[in-house]
Structure formats: C-alpha cells, structure tokens
C-alpha cells in the first residue's frame, strides 16, 4: 500500500499540487495578475506539447509558434465577427473589401471555430511531418525546416492585410459577447482562466499516460535508436508524424485560450522568435520531464514580466543572464537538477548493510592467492 501511495505521489503529486494552487489563485490574486497568470499557463500548454516531441521523441521543433498562431487566429476570427455585430470587420473595410470572405463565414459558429482551430494545425503538422520524416530528415535539418515554415507563414499573414489584419493582426475584440456577457467582464475572464487550468491539467495527464503506454516507449526508442525501431517492424514515419500532430494540437489549444485573455493576436506571436523562446522554456525547466516544461514556461514568463517592470531599459540583459546561468548551473534543467538532488539524498539516507567482521572458512579459502603452476614457476 505504501508503495502504491509513493508511486502515485511520484507520478501525479506535482501536477496535483500545482493544479490546486492554480485553482486557488483567483482568491488571492488581483484581476490583472490573474489574467497574466492565465496567459502564462497557455504558454505552459505549448511547452508540454513541445516536451513530448523534443524531450521524449528527440525532435526539436522551431515551428510551435506557427501552430499556436493558427489556433489563436481561428478563435479570434469568431470573436472578431462577434465584436463586429454582423458588420464587416474594420480591417476588411479599411482594405476595400465589400463583403465577408467565404472562408470567414463558418467561423461565426463557436463550435466550428474551436474545431477548425484545433484540426487545421494538427492536419498541417501531420502532413508536413509525414513528408519530412518520409525523406529521413531529422536532427538540425528538421529544426531548420520547421523554422523556415514558420517564417514563411508569418510573412504571408503580414501580407494578407485584407484577410488577416496584416501586421496588426486581429484586434479590438472588447465588444465581443461570450455566453451573452462581455468578453472582458470579470466572470468571463475567470471562466477562461479556469478553463486554461483545466486544459493544462488535462494535457499533462494525457501526455503522461501516453508516455507510459507502448506508444511512449516506442517514442523514446525512436529518440535513442531509430534504426532499431525500424528493424523491429515499426514505421518511424507514422509514429513521428502522429506525435508531431499532437504537439501542434496542444499549441493550437493554447492559442485558443490565449486570444480571449489577451485580446489580440498578430503575426509577431507566431514568428521565429516566439518559437525559439518556447524551446528555451523546455530546456530551462527540464527536457523529458513534462512537469519541467510547465515550470520552465512559468519561470521564463514571470522572469520576463518582473525584469521588464522593474528594469524597463535593461531587462533583456537580466533575462539573458537568467538563461545563461540556468544552462551553466542546471544543464538538465530545473526539474532535472531537483531530481538528481533527490536521488543523491535518497542514496545518502538509505540504510547500509553492516560491515562483516569475520570470514567463514569457505570465504577465507576463496580469498587466498592462487599458487602458480609448476610450468609458470619454472
């Protein structure tokens, strides 16, 4: 029974404590800080999905910002149509459009908007991943391709002013209605915060169960030796494409929850720089731990916020020192360092077998030196 309790605490204790603390946050945090925390938790959802493919699958994607942006744009289209009250969105009117584009019309439904915002990034990641992995592209070349895809898409969004809002993106969502209430009303924002906490817990649980399954063991095996997995009869292309699509869905879900709490989405949020920052979250928190991805996303996000508020002119230097110091002091990440420390402490506190004073006859004979053979002596 004690082993079962210890196993539960080891596997689910951290996320249980974090979830309870996050659920209690509305009781103690002011409105602004609660909204800020909700935004940072959406980043943690991205980090868990990235840790799934990088920490366990060995595929460092620099394109998670793309999937995050696609999910955010999908739900922002619904909110913008709500805010426009049946009229043409303002940026379309300014660009000279006379009627709503055909692909915008279905996003008037919140159900369609959410489903499309999740499925489209997942399908894109699955198809692109299948083509990349089928060509045996891996390592740094995979990272470069995902980075290039992100850059091209963000530039395309900037150029489509009439349909995407261009550089400014989709803004002015304050008059949107959600369940008959204003988007930025206190109760609606609390609802989105709680939905973000629930989504983060659900994503973590599903990721943990996935890692503990046969699929998860195959994923780790792919990271360690892909050829061996192929020789065992499994198709690495399909496995990699599936997990890449799952990570994209996680990023898209984060984007859906990000937009209503921040009120804006622009191409700058889906570019190369945000994608690199997402990799930093996982590396700082601890790659291959899942809980470390959450910790890293929150530490980096709060570090950025604190330094920018306290030292507005030189906050980038402090953030850079935070990254460098963390990598030098904690090469396995924050959670990895804590795990190593806990393991060393358990070894130190473990009871040792008492030293034996005397030896029996058999042991004494076994320890006597073996005399050389006659030939060797001669």
Protein backbone atom coordinates (compact mmCIF):
# COMPACT_ATOMS: atom_id res chain seq x y z
CA UNK A 1 0.00 0.00 0.00
CA UNK A 2 2.84 2.37 0.88
CA UNK A 3 4.48 1.63 -2.47
CA UNK A 4 1.25 2.47 -4.28
CA UNK A 5 0.94 5.77 -2.43
CA UNK A 6 4.58 6.59 -3.09
CA UNK A 7 4.15 5.77 -6.78
CA UNK A 8 1.07 7.99 -7.03
CA UNK A 9 2.83 10.87 -5.31
CA UNK A 10 5.88 10.50 -7.53
CA UNK A 11 3.85 10.43 -10.74
CA UNK A 12 0.92 12.74 -10.00
CA UNK A 13 1.87 14.63 -6.84
CA UNK A 14 3.48 17.62 -8.54
CA UNK A 15 0.68 18.28 -11.02
CA UNK A 16 -1.94 17.80 -8.27
CA UNK A 17 -0.30 20.41 -6.04
CA UNK A 18 0.17 22.82 -8.94
CA UNK A 19 -3.46 22.42 -10.05
CA UNK A 20 -4.80 23.06 -6.55
CA UNK A 21 -2.65 26.17 -6.18
CA UNK A 22 -3.79 27.45 -9.56
CA UNK A 23 -7.45 26.85 -8.72
CA UNK A 24 -6.99 28.86 -5.52
CA UNK A 25 -5.23 31.74 -7.31
CA UNK A 26 -8.46 33.74 -8.02
CA UNK A 27 -8.96 34.03 -4.27
CA UNK A 28 -5.70 35.89 -3.68
CA UNK A 29 -4.57 37.47 -6.97
CA UNK A 30 -5.89 40.79 -8.29
CA UNK A 31 -7.60 40.88 -11.68
CA UNK A 32 -4.53 41.96 -13.64
CA UNK A 33 -2.21 39.34 -12.14
CA UNK A 34 -4.79 36.60 -12.60
CA UNK A 35 -5.15 37.49 -16.27
CA UNK A 36 -1.36 37.48 -16.57
CA UNK A 37 -1.15 34.06 -14.95
CA UNK A 38 -3.79 32.73 -17.34
CA UNK A 39 -1.70 33.90 -20.28
CA UNK A 40 1.40 32.23 -18.88
CA UNK A 41 -0.49 28.97 -18.38
CA UNK A 42 -1.33 28.91 -22.08
CA UNK A 43 2.43 29.00 -22.67
CA UNK A 44 2.79 26.01 -20.34
CA UNK A 45 0.38 24.03 -22.55
CA UNK A 46 2.62 24.72 -25.55
CA UNK A 47 5.67 23.65 -23.54
CA UNK A 48 4.13 20.29 -22.59
CA UNK A 49 3.42 19.52 -26.25
CA UNK A 50 6.93 20.56 -27.25
CA UNK A 51 8.47 18.43 -24.50
CA UNK A 52 6.50 15.49 -25.83
CA UNK A 53 8.21 15.62 -29.23
CA UNK A 54 11.60 17.01 -28.17
CA UNK A 55 12.19 15.60 -24.73
CA UNK A 56 10.83 12.13 -25.48
CA UNK A 57 10.94 11.99 -29.29
CA UNK A 58 14.22 13.81 -29.86
CA UNK A 59 12.71 16.18 -32.47
CA UNK A 60 13.37 19.84 -31.72
CA UNK A 61 10.66 21.79 -33.49
CA UNK A 62 11.10 25.51 -34.10
CA UNK A 63 7.61 25.76 -35.55
CA UNK A 64 5.37 25.60 -32.49
CA UNK A 65 4.72 29.32 -32.79
CA UNK A 66 3.08 28.66 -36.15
CA UNK A 67 0.57 26.19 -34.70
CA UNK A 68 -0.04 28.44 -31.71
CA UNK A 69 -0.79 31.34 -34.06
CA UNK A 70 -3.10 29.30 -36.29
CA UNK A 71 -5.15 28.20 -33.30
CA UNK A 72 -5.29 31.74 -31.96
CA UNK A 73 -6.32 33.20 -35.33
CA UNK A 74 -9.05 30.58 -35.68
CA UNK A 75 -10.77 31.56 -32.44
CA UNK A 76 -10.00 35.26 -32.94
CA UNK A 77 -11.99 35.14 -36.18
CA UNK A 78 -15.05 34.07 -34.20
CA UNK A 79 -14.50 36.79 -31.60
CA UNK A 80 -13.98 39.42 -34.30
CA UNK A 81 -17.24 38.51 -36.00
CA UNK A 82 -18.95 38.76 -32.62
CA UNK A 83 -17.37 42.14 -31.95
CA UNK A 84 -18.41 43.40 -35.41
CA UNK A 85 -22.11 42.66 -34.68
CA UNK A 86 -22.84 41.35 -38.18
CA UNK A 87 -20.90 44.10 -39.94
CA UNK A 88 -17.73 43.76 -41.95
CA UNK A 89 -14.65 43.69 -39.65
CA UNK A 90 -12.91 47.05 -39.55
CA UNK A 91 -9.62 46.00 -41.16
CA UNK A 92 -11.51 44.45 -44.09
CA UNK A 93 -13.45 47.68 -44.61
CA UNK A 94 -10.26 49.73 -44.49
CA UNK A 95 -8.69 47.39 -47.06
CA UNK A 96 -11.54 47.95 -49.51
CA UNK A 97 -13.48 44.68 -49.15
CA UNK A 98 -17.24 44.93 -49.67
CA UNK A 99 -18.33 41.59 -48.24
CA UNK A 100 -17.14 38.94 -45.86
CA UNK A 101 -14.77 36.37 -47.46
CA UNK A 102 -16.31 32.93 -47.86
CA UNK A 103 -13.79 31.20 -45.57
CA UNK A 104 -14.58 33.63 -42.74
CA UNK A 105 -18.33 32.88 -42.71
CA UNK A 106 -18.22 29.45 -40.96
CA UNK A 107 -16.23 30.97 -38.08
CA UNK A 108 -19.37 32.73 -36.89
CA UNK A 109 -20.10 29.46 -35.09
CA UNK A 110 -18.02 29.00 -31.91
CA UNK A 111 -18.12 25.21 -32.24
CA UNK A 112 -16.81 25.33 -35.80
CA UNK A 113 -14.18 27.89 -34.81
CA UNK A 114 -12.81 25.73 -31.98
CA UNK A 115 -12.83 22.51 -34.02
CA UNK A 116 -11.20 24.18 -37.02
CA UNK A 117 -8.63 25.92 -34.82
CA UNK A 118 -7.59 22.53 -33.44
CA UNK A 119 -7.85 20.36 -36.55
CA UNK A 120 -6.20 22.63 -39.11
CA UNK A 121 -2.86 22.94 -37.25
CA UNK A 122 -2.95 19.23 -36.44
CA UNK A 123 -3.55 18.28 -40.08
CA UNK A 124 -0.85 20.63 -41.31
CA UNK A 125 1.65 19.22 -38.81
CA UNK A 126 0.69 15.64 -39.66
CA UNK A 127 1.02 16.12 -43.42
CA UNK A 128 4.20 18.19 -43.26
CA UNK A 129 5.69 15.85 -40.69
CA UNK A 130 4.90 12.79 -42.80
CA UNK A 131 6.63 14.32 -45.84
CA UNK A 132 9.67 15.39 -43.79
CA UNK A 133 10.10 12.13 -41.91
CA UNK A 134 9.49 10.04 -45.02
CA UNK A 135 12.56 11.73 -46.51
CA UNK A 136 14.57 10.65 -43.44
CA UNK A 137 15.07 14.28 -42.40
CA UNK A 138 15.99 14.58 -38.74
CA UNK A 139 18.11 16.48 -36.27
CA UNK A 140 19.03 20.07 -37.03
CA UNK A 141 17.60 19.83 -40.56
CA UNK A 142 14.15 19.14 -39.14
CA UNK A 143 14.51 22.21 -36.90
CA UNK A 144 15.55 24.38 -39.84
CA UNK A 145 12.59 23.25 -41.96
CA UNK A 146 10.06 23.96 -39.20
CA UNK A 147 11.70 27.35 -38.61
CA UNK A 148 11.51 28.22 -42.30
CA UNK A 149 7.86 27.14 -42.47
CA UNK A 150 7.06 29.38 -39.51
CA UNK A 151 8.86 32.35 -41.03
CA UNK A 152 7.14 31.98 -44.40
CA UNK A 153 3.68 31.67 -42.85
CA UNK A 154 4.13 34.68 -40.58
CA UNK A 155 5.30 36.78 -43.55
CA UNK A 156 2.30 35.58 -45.57
CA UNK A 157 -0.06 36.65 -42.76
CA UNK A 158 1.58 40.08 -42.71
CA UNK A 159 0.99 40.48 -46.44
CA UNK A 160 -2.70 39.49 -46.33
CA UNK A 161 -3.92 42.74 -44.78
CA UNK A 162 -7.49 42.39 -46.04
CA UNK A 163 -7.98 38.89 -44.62
CA UNK A 164 -5.74 38.64 -41.55
CA UNK A 165 -5.32 42.23 -40.38
CA UNK A 166 -1.75 42.37 -41.61
CA UNK A 167 0.95 43.45 -39.16
CA UNK A 168 -1.56 44.50 -36.50
CA UNK A 169 -3.39 41.19 -36.64
CA UNK A 170 -6.89 40.78 -35.24
CA UNK A 171 -7.59 43.39 -32.56
CA UNK A 172 -10.46 45.34 -30.97
CA UNK A 173 -12.23 42.31 -29.54
CA UNK A 174 -13.58 44.09 -26.46
CA UNK A 175 -17.19 44.27 -27.66
CA UNK A 176 -17.40 40.52 -28.37
CA UNK A 177 -20.04 38.57 -26.47
CA UNK A 178 -19.40 35.15 -24.89
CA UNK A 179 -22.47 33.40 -23.47
CA UNK A 180 -24.25 36.75 -23.53
CA UNK A 181 -21.59 38.53 -21.46
CA UNK A 182 -18.85 40.91 -22.47
CA UNK A 183 -15.56 39.20 -23.27
CA UNK A 184 -13.57 41.26 -20.78
CA UNK A 185 -16.10 41.08 -17.96
CA UNK A 186 -14.75 39.67 -14.71
CA UNK A 187 -16.79 36.46 -14.71
CA UNK A 188 -15.97 35.62 -18.35
CA UNK A 189 -12.26 36.16 -17.75
CA UNK A 190 -12.42 33.98 -14.62
CA UNK A 191 -14.12 31.32 -16.70
CA UNK A 192 -11.38 31.38 -19.31
CA UNK A 193 -8.74 31.22 -16.57
CA UNK A 194 -10.34 28.12 -15.03
CA UNK A 195 -10.69 26.60 -18.50
CA UNK A 196 -6.96 27.16 -19.02
CA UNK A 197 -6.10 25.46 -15.73
CA UNK A 198 -8.33 22.50 -16.64
CA UNK A 199 -6.82 22.31 -20.14
CA UNK A 200 -3.27 22.34 -18.78
CA UNK A 201 -4.05 19.56 -16.29
CA UNK A 202 -5.78 17.50 -18.98
CA UNK A 203 -2.92 17.93 -21.47
CA UNK A 204 -0.39 16.93 -18.81
CA UNK A 205 -2.38 13.84 -17.76
CA UNK A 206 -2.87 12.69 -21.35
CA UNK A 207 0.81 13.26 -22.11
CA UNK A 208 1.85 11.32 -19.03
CA UNK A 209 -0.43 8.42 -19.93
CA UNK A 210 0.87 8.50 -23.50
CA UNK A 211 4.47 8.29 -22.32
CA UNK A 212 3.63 5.34 -20.06
CA UNK A 213 1.99 3.43 -22.94
CA UNK A 214 3.60 1.34 -25.67
CA UNK A 215 3.49 4.35 -27.97
CA UNK A 216 5.51 6.32 -25.44
CA UNK A 217 8.10 3.59 -25.13
CA UNK A 218 8.39 3.47 -28.92
CA UNK A 219 8.78 7.23 -28.95
CA UNK A 220 11.71 7.06 -26.52
CA UNK A 221 13.19 4.20 -28.53
CA UNK A 222 12.98 6.37 -31.65
CA UNK A 223 14.91 9.06 -29.85
CA UNK A 224 17.64 6.64 -28.79
CA UNK A 225 17.96 4.45 -31.89
CA UNK A 226 15.56 4.93 -34.80
CA UNK A 227 17.08 2.16 -36.92
CA UNK A 228 16.47 -0.42 -34.21
CA UNK A 229 12.78 0.54 -34.08
CA UNK A 230 12.58 0.22 -37.85
CA UNK A 231 14.20 -3.22 -37.77
CA UNK A 232 11.66 -4.33 -35.16
CA UNK A 233 8.89 -3.79 -37.72
CA UNK A 234 7.52 -0.38 -36.68
CA UNK A 235 7.20 2.58 -39.03
CA UNK A 236 9.04 5.60 -37.54
CA UNK A 237 7.46 7.91 -40.11
CA UNK A 238 3.94 7.31 -38.83
CA UNK A 239 4.97 7.48 -35.18
CA UNK A 240 6.79 10.77 -35.64
CA UNK A 241 4.01 12.31 -37.71
CA UNK A 242 1.42 11.40 -35.06
CA UNK A 243 3.34 12.90 -32.15
CA UNK A 244 4.18 16.00 -34.21
CA UNK A 245 0.47 16.46 -34.93
CA UNK A 246 -0.37 16.01 -31.24
CA UNK A 247 2.13 18.68 -30.25
CA UNK A 248 0.61 21.02 -32.84
CA UNK A 249 -2.87 20.45 -31.38
CA UNK A 250 -1.50 21.33 -27.92
CA UNK A 251 -0.06 24.58 -29.30
CA UNK A 252 -3.33 25.37 -31.09
CA UNK A 253 -5.31 24.77 -27.89
CA UNK A 254 -3.03 27.22 -26.13
CA UNK A 255 -3.70 29.77 -28.87
CA UNK A 256 -7.46 29.35 -28.50
CA UNK A 257 -7.21 30.10 -24.78
CA UNK A 258 -4.65 32.88 -25.27
CA UNK A 259 -6.73 35.16 -27.51
CA UNK A 260 -9.75 35.81 -25.24
CA UNK A 261 -7.50 36.55 -22.26
CA UNK A 262 -5.13 38.90 -24.11
CA UNK A 263 -7.50 40.33 -26.70
CA UNK A 264 -5.14 40.35 -29.67
CA UNK A 265 -3.23 38.03 -31.99
CA UNK A 266 -0.73 39.19 -34.60
CA UNK A 267 1.92 37.58 -36.82
CA UNK A 268 4.59 38.62 -34.30
CA UNK A 269 3.19 35.97 -31.93
CA UNK A 270 3.64 33.19 -34.48
CA UNK A 271 7.10 34.02 -35.78
CA UNK A 272 10.55 32.54 -35.33
CA UNK A 273 11.46 34.38 -32.11
CA UNK A 274 8.44 33.09 -30.11
CA UNK A 275 9.19 29.56 -31.36
CA UNK A 276 12.77 29.80 -30.09
CA UNK A 277 11.52 31.06 -26.73
CA UNK A 278 9.29 28.01 -26.49
CA UNK A 279 12.35 25.78 -26.84
CA UNK A 280 14.01 27.78 -24.05
CA UNK A 281 11.06 27.09 -21.75
CA UNK A 282 11.50 23.35 -22.09
CA UNK A 283 15.30 23.44 -21.88
CA UNK A 284 15.25 25.61 -18.76
CA UNK A 285 12.57 23.60 -16.98
CA UNK A 286 13.96 20.17 -17.81
CA UNK A 287 13.63 18.29 -21.07
CA UNK A 288 11.94 14.90 -20.89
CA UNK A 289 10.09 15.55 -17.61
CA UNK A 290 6.78 17.17 -18.71
CA UNK A 291 6.42 18.92 -15.36
CA UNK A 292 9.68 20.70 -16.13
CA UNK A 293 8.11 22.17 -19.26
CA UNK A 294 5.41 23.78 -17.12
CA UNK A 295 7.95 25.09 -14.62
CA UNK A 296 10.18 26.46 -17.36
CA UNK A 297 7.33 28.28 -19.10
CA UNK A 298 6.21 29.92 -15.86
CA UNK A 299 9.73 30.84 -14.69
CA UNK A 300 10.73 32.43 -18.01
CA UNK A 301 7.41 34.23 -18.41
CA UNK A 302 7.43 35.64 -14.89
CA UNK A 303 11.11 36.49 -15.21
CA UNK A 304 10.40 38.49 -18.35
CA UNK A 305 7.47 40.25 -16.68
CA UNK A 306 9.38 41.08 -13.47
CA UNK A 307 12.53 42.35 -15.16
CA UNK A 308 10.62 44.40 -17.74
CA UNK A 309 8.56 46.06 -14.99
CA UNK A 310 11.47 46.64 -12.60
CA UNK A 311 14.22 47.46 -15.11
CA UNK A 312 12.40 48.63 -18.25
CA UNK A 313 15.57 49.83 -20.00
CA UNK A 314 17.88 46.85 -19.42
CA UNK A 315 15.51 43.97 -18.70
CA UNK A 316 16.78 41.98 -21.72
CA UNK A 317 20.21 41.68 -20.10
CA UNK A 318 18.75 40.21 -16.93
CA UNK A 319 16.70 37.74 -18.92
CA UNK A 320 19.78 36.72 -20.89
CA UNK A 321 21.74 36.21 -17.66
CA UNK A 322 18.88 34.07 -16.38
CA UNK A 323 19.12 31.80 -19.42
CA UNK A 324 22.92 31.56 -19.33
CA UNK A 325 23.09 30.96 -15.59
CA UNK A 326 20.38 28.32 -15.72
CA UNK A 327 22.13 26.41 -18.50
CA UNK A 328 25.51 26.56 -16.73
CA UNK A 329 24.19 25.70 -13.27
CA UNK A 330 21.39 23.31 -14.31
CA UNK A 331 22.36 21.55 -17.56
CA UNK A 332 19.44 19.14 -17.07
CA UNK A 333 17.02 21.94 -16.30
CA UNK A 334 15.47 22.96 -13.02
CA UNK A 335 13.42 19.80 -12.55
CA UNK A 336 16.29 17.61 -13.73
CA UNK A 337 18.57 19.16 -11.12
CA UNK A 338 15.95 18.64 -8.41
CA UNK A 339 15.54 15.01 -9.43
CA UNK A 340 19.30 14.43 -9.29
CA UNK A 341 19.46 16.07 -5.87
CA UNK A 342 16.60 13.97 -4.55
CA UNK A 343 18.23 10.79 -5.88
CA UNK A 344 21.55 11.67 -4.24
CA UNK A 345 19.76 12.39 -0.96
CA UNK A 346 17.96 9.04 -1.06
CA UNK A 347 21.28 7.26 -1.59
CA UNK A 348 22.81 9.13 1.32
CA UNK A 349 19.91 8.34 3.66
CA UNK A 350 19.50 4.72 2.54
CA UNK A 351 20.48 2.20 5.26
CA UNK A 352 23.75 0.48 4.55
CA UNK A 353 24.48 -3.20 5.16
CA UNK A 354 26.62 -3.68 8.32
CA UNK A 355 30.26 -4.49 7.71
CA UNK A 356 31.19 -8.13 8.46
CA UNK A 357 33.98 -8.64 10.96
CA UNK A 358 34.95 -12.25 10.37
CA UNK A 359 35.02 -14.61 7.39
CA UNK A 360 33.96 -18.20 7.30
CA UNK A 361 36.25 -20.98 6.10
CA UNK A 362 34.95 -21.02 2.51
CA UNK A 363 35.31 -17.23 2.12
CA UNK A 364 38.80 -17.35 3.65
CA UNK A 365 39.89 -20.02 1.18
CA UNK A 366 38.43 -18.08 -1.76
CA UNK A 367 40.49 -15.04 -0.84
CA UNK A 368 43.81 -16.91 -0.60
CA UNK A 369 46.18 -16.23 -3.53
CA UNK A 370 46.30 -18.98 -6.13
CA UNK A 371 49.80 -20.57 -6.29
CA UNK A 372 51.45 -20.55 -9.71
CA UNK A 373 51.53 -23.66 -11.79
CA UNK A 374 54.75 -25.69 -11.97
CA UNK A 375 55.40 -24.63 -15.55
CA UNK A 376 54.99 -20.94 -14.70
CA UNK A 377 57.24 -21.30 -11.62
CA UNK A 378 59.94 -22.97 -13.72
